[in-house]
Amino acid sequence: MKNAEQLKNTLRSAHTSQRRPESVAEHTWSICLLMMCFEDQLVDIDMLRLFKLIIIHDLGEAISGDIPATEQNPNEDKAKLERLDFINLCTPLPDDLKTEMLVLWDEYDAAETPEAVMAKGFDKIETMLQHLADGTTGNIDFPFNLNYGILRTDAHPLLKQIREIVDERTTARIPPN
C-alpha cells in the first residue's frame, strides 16, 4: 500500500478542470466511475474482475511514472517495462496475492478476455474525456486524440458508441486552420 500510494503523486500529462495536473490515482478512480455509469449495459461482464483490472492496470507507474502517448518511443516495449515495475511493486506481497495480481496485470495487457477488452477501452475513453475537461489552454493534441486508442475502443459496440460521442466533442475543440 505504501508503494501504491505513490500513484497519488504520479502525475499525468492531462490537467483537471482547475488546471492542476491529474494524478494516476485520479485517472484510475475516474475510469471506475465511468464503468459504473455503464454497468447496466455490461451484462455479460464480470464487474468485480473489470474493477480489479482497472485498479491494478497502472500500478507499475508508481515506480517509473506515466509516459504520455504522444511521447512514447515506438522502439521501447512500454508494457514490458511496466510489467517489471509492477512485479517490483508487488515484491513484498504474499506469494498468493502477488500471483493473483500478476495474473490480472497479464490479463489486462493481453486484452483477450471480455473484461480486459472493456478495461482497455474505458482507459482510453477516460483519457480522452479528461483531455476535454482539461482547464489549461493549448497543451492537448486534439487531432492526435481522434486516432488515440481506436483499436481498443473499436473492440466492443458500447465502447465504439461512447467513442463516437467523445470524437464529436474532440473535433469541436480543434481550432479551424
N, C-alpha and C. Protein backbone atom coordinates (compact mmCIF):
# COMPACT_ATOMS: atom_id res chain seq x y z
N MET A 1 0.83 -1.20 0.00
CA MET A 1 0.00 0.00 0.00
C MET A 1 0.87 1.26 0.00
N LYS A 2 1.99 1.18 0.71
CA LYS A 2 2.87 2.34 0.74
C LYS A 2 3.39 2.66 -0.66
N ASN A 3 3.83 1.63 -1.38
CA ASN A 3 4.34 1.85 -2.74
C ASN A 3 3.23 2.27 -3.69
N ALA A 4 2.07 1.67 -3.58
CA ALA A 4 0.94 2.01 -4.45
C ALA A 4 0.45 3.43 -4.19
N GLU A 5 0.63 3.92 -2.98
CA GLU A 5 0.21 5.28 -2.65
C GLU A 5 0.89 6.31 -3.53
N GLN A 6 2.03 5.95 -4.08
CA GLN A 6 2.75 6.87 -4.96
C GLN A 6 1.95 7.25 -6.20
N LEU A 7 0.93 6.45 -6.54
CA LEU A 7 0.08 6.81 -7.69
C LEU A 7 -0.66 8.12 -7.45
N LYS A 8 -0.85 8.47 -6.20
CA LYS A 8 -1.47 9.78 -5.89
C LYS A 8 -0.52 10.92 -6.23
N ASN A 9 0.77 10.64 -6.22
CA ASN A 9 1.79 11.65 -6.51
C ASN A 9 2.34 11.55 -7.93
N THR A 10 1.99 10.48 -8.64
CA THR A 10 2.47 10.29 -10.01
C THR A 10 1.54 11.05 -10.94
N LEU A 11 2.10 12.05 -11.61
CA LEU A 11 1.27 12.93 -12.42
C LEU A 11 1.23 12.48 -13.88
N ARG A 12 0.11 12.79 -14.50
CA ARG A 12 -0.11 12.51 -15.92
C ARG A 12 0.01 13.83 -16.69
N SER A 13 -0.06 13.74 -17.99
CA SER A 13 0.08 14.96 -18.79
C SER A 13 -1.21 15.77 -18.82
N ALA A 14 -2.34 15.13 -18.53
CA ALA A 14 -3.62 15.86 -18.52
C ALA A 14 -3.74 16.69 -17.25
N HIS A 15 -4.62 17.67 -17.32
CA HIS A 15 -4.88 18.54 -16.17
C HIS A 15 -6.37 18.46 -15.83
N THR A 16 -6.68 18.79 -14.60
CA THR A 16 -8.07 18.85 -14.18
C THR A 16 -8.69 20.14 -14.71
N SER A 17 -9.97 20.27 -14.51
CA SER A 17 -10.66 21.50 -14.94
C SER A 17 -10.15 22.71 -14.15
N GLN A 18 -9.52 22.47 -13.01
CA GLN A 18 -8.95 23.55 -12.20
C GLN A 18 -7.48 23.82 -12.55
N ARG A 19 -7.02 23.24 -13.64
CA ARG A 19 -5.70 23.48 -14.21
C ARG A 19 -4.54 22.87 -13.42
N ARG A 20 -4.82 21.91 -12.58
CA ARG A 20 -3.73 21.25 -11.88
C ARG A 20 -3.51 19.88 -12.52
N PRO A 21 -2.27 19.39 -12.52
CA PRO A 21 -2.00 18.09 -13.13
C PRO A 21 -2.83 16.98 -12.48
N GLU A 22 -3.30 16.10 -13.30
CA GLU A 22 -4.07 14.94 -12.83
C GLU A 22 -3.09 13.86 -12.37
N SER A 23 -3.43 13.15 -11.31
CA SER A 23 -2.59 12.03 -10.86
C SER A 23 -3.09 10.73 -11.49
N VAL A 24 -2.22 9.73 -11.49
CA VAL A 24 -2.60 8.41 -11.99
C VAL A 24 -3.74 7.84 -11.15
N ALA A 25 -3.70 8.07 -9.84
CA ALA A 25 -4.77 7.58 -8.97
C ALA A 25 -6.11 8.20 -9.33
N GLU A 26 -6.11 9.48 -9.66
CA GLU A 26 -7.35 10.15 -10.07
C GLU A 26 -7.87 9.58 -11.39
N HIS A 27 -6.96 9.28 -12.28
CA HIS A 27 -7.33 8.66 -13.57
C HIS A 27 -8.00 7.31 -13.32
N THR A 28 -7.41 6.51 -12.46
CA THR A 28 -7.97 5.19 -12.14
C THR A 28 -9.35 5.32 -11.52
N TRP A 29 -9.50 6.22 -10.57
CA TRP A 29 -10.80 6.45 -9.94
C TRP A 29 -11.84 6.85 -10.98
N SER A 30 -11.46 7.72 -11.88
CA SER A 30 -12.38 8.21 -12.90
C SER A 30 -12.83 7.10 -13.85
N ILE A 31 -11.90 6.20 -14.20
CA ILE A 31 -12.29 5.06 -15.03
C ILE A 31 -13.31 4.21 -14.29
N CYS A 32 -13.09 3.97 -13.01
CA CYS A 32 -14.03 3.16 -12.22
C CYS A 32 -15.42 3.80 -12.20
N LEU A 33 -15.48 5.10 -12.01
CA LEU A 33 -16.76 5.79 -12.02
C LEU A 33 -17.43 5.70 -13.39
N LEU A 34 -16.64 5.88 -14.44
CA LEU A 34 -17.16 5.76 -15.80
C LEU A 34 -17.75 4.37 -16.04
N MET A 35 -17.05 3.35 -15.61
CA MET A 35 -17.55 1.97 -15.79
C MET A 35 -18.84 1.75 -15.00
N MET A 36 -18.91 2.31 -13.81
CA MET A 36 -20.15 2.19 -13.02
C MET A 36 -21.33 2.79 -13.76
N CYS A 37 -21.11 3.89 -14.45
CA CYS A 37 -22.19 4.56 -15.18
C CYS A 37 -22.76 3.69 -16.29
N PHE A 38 -21.97 2.76 -16.79
CA PHE A 38 -22.41 1.89 -17.89
C PHE A 38 -22.64 0.45 -17.44
N GLU A 39 -22.65 0.21 -16.14
CA GLU A 39 -22.77 -1.15 -15.62
C GLU A 39 -24.01 -1.87 -16.15
N ASP A 40 -25.12 -1.17 -16.27
CA ASP A 40 -26.35 -1.82 -16.74
C ASP A 40 -26.25 -2.28 -18.18
N GLN A 41 -25.29 -1.77 -18.93
CA GLN A 41 -25.10 -2.19 -20.32
C GLN A 41 -23.98 -3.22 -20.46
N LEU A 42 -23.39 -3.61 -19.35
CA LEU A 42 -22.29 -4.57 -19.35
C LEU A 42 -22.75 -5.90 -18.76
N VAL A 43 -23.85 -6.41 -19.26
CA VAL A 43 -24.50 -7.58 -18.66
C VAL A 43 -23.66 -8.85 -18.72
N ASP A 44 -22.82 -9.00 -19.70
CA ASP A 44 -22.00 -10.21 -19.83
C ASP A 44 -20.59 -10.03 -19.27
N ILE A 45 -20.40 -8.98 -18.49
CA ILE A 45 -19.08 -8.65 -17.95
C ILE A 45 -19.07 -8.91 -16.45
N ASP A 46 -18.01 -9.53 -15.97
CA ASP A 46 -17.80 -9.72 -14.54
C ASP A 46 -17.27 -8.38 -14.00
N MET A 47 -18.17 -7.62 -13.39
CA MET A 47 -17.81 -6.26 -12.96
C MET A 47 -16.70 -6.25 -11.91
N LEU A 48 -16.72 -7.19 -10.98
CA LEU A 48 -15.65 -7.22 -9.98
C LEU A 48 -14.30 -7.42 -10.65
N ARG A 49 -14.24 -8.32 -11.61
CA ARG A 49 -12.98 -8.55 -12.33
C ARG A 49 -12.58 -7.30 -13.12
N LEU A 50 -13.56 -6.66 -13.75
CA LEU A 50 -13.29 -5.44 -14.50
C LEU A 50 -12.70 -4.36 -13.59
N PHE A 51 -13.29 -4.17 -12.42
CA PHE A 51 -12.76 -3.18 -11.47
C PHE A 51 -11.34 -3.55 -11.02
N LYS A 52 -11.11 -4.83 -10.76
CA LYS A 52 -9.77 -5.26 -10.36
C LYS A 52 -8.75 -4.96 -11.45
N LEU A 53 -9.11 -5.22 -12.70
CA LEU A 53 -8.20 -4.94 -13.81
C LEU A 53 -7.84 -3.46 -13.87
N ILE A 54 -8.83 -2.62 -13.70
CA ILE A 54 -8.56 -1.17 -13.74
C ILE A 54 -7.74 -0.73 -12.54
N ILE A 55 -8.05 -1.24 -11.38
CA ILE A 55 -7.32 -0.82 -10.18
C ILE A 55 -5.84 -1.15 -10.28
N ILE A 56 -5.48 -2.27 -10.91
CA ILE A 56 -4.07 -2.64 -10.99
C ILE A 56 -3.38 -2.19 -12.28
N HIS A 57 -4.13 -1.75 -13.29
CA HIS A 57 -3.54 -1.58 -14.63
C HIS A 57 -2.40 -0.57 -14.70
N ASP A 58 -2.38 0.43 -13.87
CA ASP A 58 -1.30 1.43 -13.90
C ASP A 58 -0.42 1.39 -12.65
N LEU A 59 -0.52 0.34 -11.85
CA LEU A 59 0.27 0.29 -10.61
C LEU A 59 1.77 0.40 -10.85
N GLY A 60 2.25 -0.15 -11.95
CA GLY A 60 3.68 -0.06 -12.26
C GLY A 60 4.16 1.36 -12.41
N GLU A 61 3.24 2.27 -12.76
CA GLU A 61 3.61 3.67 -12.93
C GLU A 61 3.98 4.33 -11.60
N ALA A 62 3.70 3.69 -10.49
CA ALA A 62 4.11 4.21 -9.19
C ALA A 62 5.64 4.23 -9.09
N ILE A 63 6.30 3.44 -9.92
CA ILE A 63 7.76 3.37 -9.88
C ILE A 63 8.39 4.25 -10.95
N SER A 64 7.99 4.07 -12.19
CA SER A 64 8.65 4.79 -13.30
C SER A 64 7.85 5.96 -13.86
N GLY A 65 6.66 6.16 -13.35
CA GLY A 65 5.84 7.28 -13.81
C GLY A 65 5.04 6.96 -15.05
N ASP A 66 4.30 7.95 -15.50
CA ASP A 66 3.44 7.84 -16.68
C ASP A 66 4.14 8.47 -17.88
N ILE A 67 4.07 7.80 -19.00
CA ILE A 67 4.62 8.36 -20.24
C ILE A 67 3.44 8.65 -21.15
N PRO A 68 3.19 9.93 -21.45
CA PRO A 68 2.06 10.26 -22.33
C PRO A 68 2.18 9.56 -23.68
N ALA A 69 1.06 9.21 -24.27
CA ALA A 69 1.05 8.50 -25.55
C ALA A 69 1.80 9.28 -26.62
N THR A 70 1.71 10.60 -26.57
CA THR A 70 2.38 11.43 -27.59
C THR A 70 3.90 11.43 -27.43
N GLU A 71 4.40 10.94 -26.30
CA GLU A 71 5.84 10.95 -26.05
C GLU A 71 6.44 9.54 -25.99
N GLN A 72 5.65 8.52 -26.26
CA GLN A 72 6.15 7.15 -26.17
C GLN A 72 7.05 6.83 -27.36
N ASN A 73 8.11 6.12 -27.06
CA ASN A 73 9.07 5.69 -28.07
C ASN A 73 8.60 4.36 -28.66
N PRO A 74 8.32 4.31 -29.96
CA PRO A 74 7.84 3.06 -30.55
C PRO A 74 8.85 1.93 -30.49
N ASN A 75 10.13 2.25 -30.23
CA ASN A 75 11.16 1.21 -30.14
C ASN A 75 11.28 0.63 -28.74
N GLU A 76 10.56 1.19 -27.77
CA GLU A 76 10.59 0.67 -26.40
C GLU A 76 9.32 -0.13 -26.15
N ASP A 77 9.46 -1.21 -25.41
CA ASP A 77 8.30 -2.03 -25.04
C ASP A 77 7.76 -1.51 -23.71
N LYS A 78 6.85 -0.55 -23.79
CA LYS A 78 6.30 0.09 -22.60
C LYS A 78 5.66 -0.94 -21.67
N ALA A 79 4.92 -1.89 -22.25
CA ALA A 79 4.25 -2.90 -21.43
C ALA A 79 5.26 -3.76 -20.67
N LYS A 80 6.35 -4.10 -21.31
CA LYS A 80 7.37 -4.92 -20.65
C LYS A 80 7.97 -4.16 -19.46
N LEU A 81 8.27 -2.88 -19.68
CA LEU A 81 8.83 -2.06 -18.60
C LEU A 81 7.83 -1.89 -17.45
N GLU A 82 6.57 -1.65 -17.79
CA GLU A 82 5.55 -1.51 -16.75
C GLU A 82 5.35 -2.81 -15.99
N ARG A 83 5.44 -3.95 -16.70
CA ARG A 83 5.29 -5.25 -16.03
C ARG A 83 6.42 -5.45 -15.03
N LEU A 84 7.64 -5.11 -15.41
CA LEU A 84 8.78 -5.24 -14.49
C LEU A 84 8.59 -4.34 -13.27
N ASP A 85 8.12 -3.11 -13.49
CA ASP A 85 7.84 -2.21 -12.37
C ASP A 85 6.72 -2.78 -11.49
N PHE A 86 5.71 -3.35 -12.12
CA PHE A 86 4.60 -3.94 -11.39
C PHE A 86 5.10 -5.10 -10.51
N ILE A 87 5.93 -5.96 -11.08
CA ILE A 87 6.49 -7.09 -10.31
C ILE A 87 7.30 -6.55 -9.13
N ASN A 88 8.09 -5.53 -9.38
CA ASN A 88 8.88 -4.92 -8.31
C ASN A 88 7.98 -4.36 -7.21
N LEU A 89 6.91 -3.70 -7.61
CA LEU A 89 5.97 -3.13 -6.65
C LEU A 89 5.32 -4.22 -5.79
N CYS A 90 5.06 -5.38 -6.39
CA CYS A 90 4.37 -6.48 -5.70
C CYS A 90 5.32 -7.36 -4.89
N THR A 91 6.60 -7.12 -4.95
CA THR A 91 7.59 -7.98 -4.28
C THR A 91 7.28 -8.24 -2.80
N PRO A 92 6.87 -7.24 -2.01
CA PRO A 92 6.64 -7.51 -0.59
C PRO A 92 5.36 -8.31 -0.28
N LEU A 93 4.52 -8.54 -1.27
CA LEU A 93 3.24 -9.21 -1.02
C LEU A 93 3.42 -10.71 -0.82
N PRO A 94 2.47 -11.34 -0.12
CA PRO A 94 2.49 -12.81 -0.03
C PRO A 94 2.37 -13.40 -1.43
N ASP A 95 2.95 -14.57 -1.64
CA ASP A 95 3.01 -15.18 -2.97
C ASP A 95 1.64 -15.34 -3.63
N ASP A 96 0.63 -15.73 -2.86
CA ASP A 96 -0.69 -15.93 -3.48
C ASP A 96 -1.28 -14.63 -4.01
N LEU A 97 -1.14 -13.55 -3.26
CA LEU A 97 -1.65 -12.25 -3.70
C LEU A 97 -0.81 -11.70 -4.86
N LYS A 98 0.50 -11.89 -4.75
CA LYS A 98 1.39 -11.45 -5.83
C LYS A 98 1.03 -12.17 -7.14
N THR A 99 0.78 -13.46 -7.07
CA THR A 99 0.41 -14.24 -8.25
C THR A 99 -0.93 -13.77 -8.81
N GLU A 100 -1.91 -13.56 -7.94
CA GLU A 100 -3.22 -13.10 -8.39
C GLU A 100 -3.11 -11.75 -9.11
N MET A 101 -2.34 -10.86 -8.54
CA MET A 101 -2.21 -9.54 -9.14
C MET A 101 -1.47 -9.58 -10.47
N LEU A 102 -0.46 -10.43 -10.57
CA LEU A 102 0.27 -10.56 -11.84
C LEU A 102 -0.62 -11.19 -12.91
N VAL A 103 -1.44 -12.15 -12.53
CA VAL A 103 -2.40 -12.74 -13.47
C VAL A 103 -3.35 -11.66 -14.00
N LEU A 104 -3.83 -10.80 -13.10
CA LEU A 104 -4.70 -9.71 -13.52
C LEU A 104 -3.97 -8.75 -14.45
N TRP A 105 -2.74 -8.39 -14.11
CA TRP A 105 -1.98 -7.46 -14.95
C TRP A 105 -1.77 -8.06 -16.34
N ASP A 106 -1.40 -9.35 -16.39
CA ASP A 106 -1.18 -10.00 -17.68
C ASP A 106 -2.48 -10.10 -18.49
N GLU A 107 -3.58 -10.33 -17.80
CA GLU A 107 -4.89 -10.37 -18.48
C GLU A 107 -5.20 -9.01 -19.09
N TYR A 108 -4.97 -7.96 -18.32
CA TYR A 108 -5.21 -6.62 -18.84
C TYR A 108 -4.33 -6.36 -20.06
N ASP A 109 -3.06 -6.67 -19.94
CA ASP A 109 -2.11 -6.39 -21.02
C ASP A 109 -2.47 -7.16 -22.29
N ALA A 110 -2.89 -8.39 -22.16
CA ALA A 110 -3.22 -9.21 -23.33
C ALA A 110 -4.53 -8.77 -23.99
N ALA A 111 -5.43 -8.22 -23.20
CA ALA A 111 -6.72 -7.71 -23.72
C ALA A 111 -7.48 -8.75 -24.53
N GLU A 112 -7.53 -9.98 -24.02
CA GLU A 112 -8.23 -11.04 -24.74
C GLU A 112 -9.54 -11.44 -24.09
N THR A 113 -9.70 -11.19 -22.80
CA THR A 113 -10.96 -11.53 -22.14
C THR A 113 -11.94 -10.36 -22.33
N PRO A 114 -13.24 -10.63 -22.21
CA PRO A 114 -14.21 -9.53 -22.33
C PRO A 114 -13.95 -8.40 -21.34
N GLU A 115 -13.55 -8.75 -20.12
CA GLU A 115 -13.28 -7.74 -19.10
C GLU A 115 -12.06 -6.90 -19.46
N ALA A 116 -11.02 -7.53 -19.98
CA ALA A 116 -9.81 -6.79 -20.35
C ALA A 116 -10.06 -5.90 -21.56
N VAL A 117 -10.88 -6.37 -22.49
CA VAL A 117 -11.24 -5.54 -23.64
C VAL A 117 -11.94 -4.27 -23.17
N MET A 118 -12.88 -4.43 -22.25
CA MET A 118 -13.60 -3.27 -21.73
C MET A 118 -12.66 -2.37 -20.92
N ALA A 119 -11.79 -2.96 -20.12
CA ALA A 119 -10.86 -2.17 -19.31
C ALA A 119 -9.96 -1.32 -20.21
N LYS A 120 -9.41 -1.92 -21.24
CA LYS A 120 -8.53 -1.16 -22.17
C LYS A 120 -9.31 -0.03 -22.84
N GLY A 121 -10.52 -0.33 -23.28
CA GLY A 121 -11.32 0.69 -23.95
C GLY A 121 -11.72 1.83 -23.04
N PHE A 122 -12.19 1.50 -21.84
CA PHE A 122 -12.56 2.56 -20.89
C PHE A 122 -11.36 3.40 -20.48
N ASP A 123 -10.18 2.78 -20.39
CA ASP A 123 -8.96 3.52 -20.08
C ASP A 123 -8.71 4.59 -21.14
N LYS A 124 -8.85 4.24 -22.40
CA LYS A 124 -8.63 5.21 -23.48
C LYS A 124 -9.70 6.30 -23.47
N ILE A 125 -10.94 5.90 -23.30
CA ILE A 125 -12.05 6.87 -23.31
C ILE A 125 -11.91 7.86 -22.16
N GLU A 126 -11.56 7.38 -20.98
CA GLU A 126 -11.41 8.29 -19.84
C GLU A 126 -10.31 9.30 -20.10
N THR A 127 -9.22 8.87 -20.70
CA THR A 127 -8.13 9.79 -21.02
C THR A 127 -8.62 10.90 -21.95
N MET A 128 -9.37 10.51 -22.96
CA MET A 128 -9.88 11.50 -23.91
C MET A 128 -10.88 12.44 -23.24
N LEU A 129 -11.71 11.90 -22.35
CA LEU A 129 -12.66 12.75 -21.63
C LEU A 129 -11.93 13.75 -20.75
N GLN A 130 -10.85 13.31 -20.11
CA GLN A 130 -10.08 14.22 -19.27
C GLN A 130 -9.44 15.32 -20.11
N HIS A 131 -9.00 14.97 -21.29
CA HIS A 131 -8.45 16.00 -22.17
C HIS A 131 -9.51 17.04 -22.51
N LEU A 132 -10.75 16.60 -22.68
CA LEU A 132 -11.82 17.55 -22.95
C LEU A 132 -12.11 18.45 -21.75
N ALA A 133 -11.89 17.93 -20.55
CA ALA A 133 -12.14 18.70 -19.33
C ALA A 133 -10.93 19.54 -18.91
N ASP A 134 -9.80 19.31 -19.54
CA ASP A 134 -8.55 19.99 -19.20
C ASP A 134 -8.76 21.50 -19.16
N GLY A 135 -8.44 22.11 -18.04
CA GLY A 135 -8.67 23.55 -17.86
C GLY A 135 -7.56 24.43 -18.39
N THR A 136 -6.49 23.83 -18.91
CA THR A 136 -5.42 24.63 -19.48
C THR A 136 -5.72 24.91 -20.95
N THR A 137 -4.94 25.74 -21.56
CA THR A 137 -5.16 26.02 -22.97
C THR A 137 -3.94 25.63 -23.78
N GLY A 138 -4.20 25.01 -24.90
CA GLY A 138 -3.15 24.75 -25.87
C GLY A 138 -2.24 23.57 -25.66
N ASN A 139 -2.40 22.78 -24.60
CA ASN A 139 -1.45 21.68 -24.40
C ASN A 139 -2.02 20.31 -24.79
N ILE A 140 -3.23 20.25 -25.28
CA ILE A 140 -3.82 18.98 -25.68
C ILE A 140 -3.78 18.88 -27.21
N ASP A 141 -3.30 17.75 -27.68
CA ASP A 141 -3.25 17.50 -29.12
C ASP A 141 -4.55 16.79 -29.53
N PHE A 142 -5.59 17.60 -29.75
CA PHE A 142 -6.90 17.03 -30.08
C PHE A 142 -6.90 16.23 -31.37
N PRO A 143 -6.20 16.64 -32.44
CA PRO A 143 -6.15 15.79 -33.62
C PRO A 143 -5.56 14.40 -33.32
N PHE A 144 -4.54 14.34 -32.45
CA PHE A 144 -3.97 13.06 -32.04
C PHE A 144 -5.03 12.19 -31.38
N ASN A 145 -5.85 12.82 -30.53
CA ASN A 145 -6.88 12.07 -29.80
C ASN A 145 -7.88 11.39 -30.73
N LEU A 146 -8.09 11.93 -31.92
CA LEU A 146 -9.06 11.33 -32.83
C LEU A 146 -8.63 9.94 -33.31
N ASN A 147 -7.35 9.63 -33.19
CA ASN A 147 -6.86 8.29 -33.53
C ASN A 147 -6.36 7.51 -32.32
N TYR A 148 -6.29 8.18 -31.18
CA TYR A 148 -5.75 7.58 -29.96
C TYR A 148 -6.59 6.38 -29.51
N GLY A 149 -5.97 5.24 -29.36
CA GLY A 149 -6.61 4.06 -28.80
C GLY A 149 -7.79 3.52 -29.59
N ILE A 150 -7.87 3.86 -30.85
CA ILE A 150 -9.04 3.47 -31.63
C ILE A 150 -9.19 1.95 -31.73
N LEU A 151 -8.08 1.24 -31.77
CA LEU A 151 -8.13 -0.22 -31.79
C LEU A 151 -8.85 -0.75 -30.55
N ARG A 152 -8.58 -0.11 -29.41
CA ARG A 152 -9.19 -0.55 -28.13
C ARG A 152 -10.67 -0.16 -28.06
N THR A 153 -11.01 1.02 -28.54
CA THR A 153 -12.40 1.47 -28.43
C THR A 153 -13.28 0.89 -29.53
N ASP A 154 -12.69 0.38 -30.59
CA ASP A 154 -13.48 -0.30 -31.63
C ASP A 154 -13.71 -1.76 -31.31
N ALA A 155 -13.18 -2.24 -30.20
CA ALA A 155 -13.23 -3.66 -29.86
C ALA A 155 -14.58 -4.11 -29.28
N HIS A 156 -15.47 -3.16 -29.00
CA HIS A 156 -16.78 -3.51 -28.42
C HIS A 156 -17.78 -2.45 -28.86
N PRO A 157 -19.01 -2.86 -29.21
CA PRO A 157 -20.01 -1.89 -29.68
C PRO A 157 -20.29 -0.74 -28.71
N LEU A 158 -20.35 -1.02 -27.41
CA LEU A 158 -20.60 0.05 -26.44
C LEU A 158 -19.45 1.05 -26.44
N LEU A 159 -18.23 0.54 -26.42
CA LEU A 159 -17.07 1.43 -26.43
C LEU A 159 -17.05 2.27 -27.70
N LYS A 160 -17.40 1.65 -28.81
CA LYS A 160 -17.42 2.37 -30.08
C LYS A 160 -18.47 3.48 -30.07
N GLN A 161 -19.62 3.19 -29.47
CA GLN A 161 -20.69 4.19 -29.37
C GLN A 161 -20.26 5.37 -28.50
N ILE A 162 -19.64 5.08 -27.38
CA ILE A 162 -19.14 6.15 -26.50
C ILE A 162 -18.06 6.94 -27.22
N ARG A 163 -17.19 6.23 -27.92
CA ARG A 163 -16.10 6.86 -28.65
C ARG A 163 -16.62 7.87 -29.68
N GLU A 164 -17.70 7.52 -30.36
CA GLU A 164 -18.26 8.43 -31.36
C GLU A 164 -18.67 9.76 -30.74
N ILE A 165 -19.24 9.71 -29.56
CA ILE A 165 -19.64 10.94 -28.86
C ILE A 165 -18.41 11.73 -28.44
N VAL A 166 -17.42 11.04 -27.91
CA VAL A 166 -16.18 11.71 -27.48
C VAL A 166 -15.47 12.31 -28.68
N ASP A 167 -15.45 11.60 -29.80
CA ASP A 167 -14.80 12.14 -31.01
C ASP A 167 -15.51 13.39 -31.51
N GLU A 168 -16.83 13.42 -31.43
CA GLU A 168 -17.57 14.63 -31.84
C GLU A 168 -17.15 15.82 -31.00
N ARG A 169 -17.05 15.61 -29.69
CA ARG A 169 -16.65 16.69 -28.79
C ARG A 169 -15.19 17.08 -29.00
N THR A 170 -14.37 16.09 -29.31
CA THR A 170 -12.96 16.36 -29.57
C THR A 170 -12.81 17.18 -30.85
N THR A 171 -13.52 16.79 -31.89
CA THR A 171 -13.47 17.51 -33.16
C THR A 171 -13.87 18.97 -32.97
N ALA A 172 -14.86 19.20 -32.13
CA ALA A 172 -15.32 20.57 -31.87
C ALA A 172 -14.25 21.41 -31.18
N ARG A 173 -13.28 20.77 -30.53
CA ARG A 173 -12.21 21.50 -29.84
C ARG A 173 -11.02 21.82 -30.73
N ILE A 174 -11.01 21.29 -31.95
CA ILE A 174 -9.89 21.54 -32.85
C ILE A 174 -10.11 22.89 -33.51
N PRO A 175 -9.16 23.82 -33.33
CA PRO A 175 -9.32 25.14 -33.93
C PRO A 175 -9.28 25.06 -35.46
N PRO A 176 -10.07 25.90 -36.13
CA PRO A 176 -10.00 25.89 -37.60
C PRO A 176 -8.66 26.44 -38.08
N ASN A 177 -8.24 25.96 -39.23
CA ASN A 177 -6.94 26.41 -39.78
C ASN A 177 -7.02 27.79 -40.34
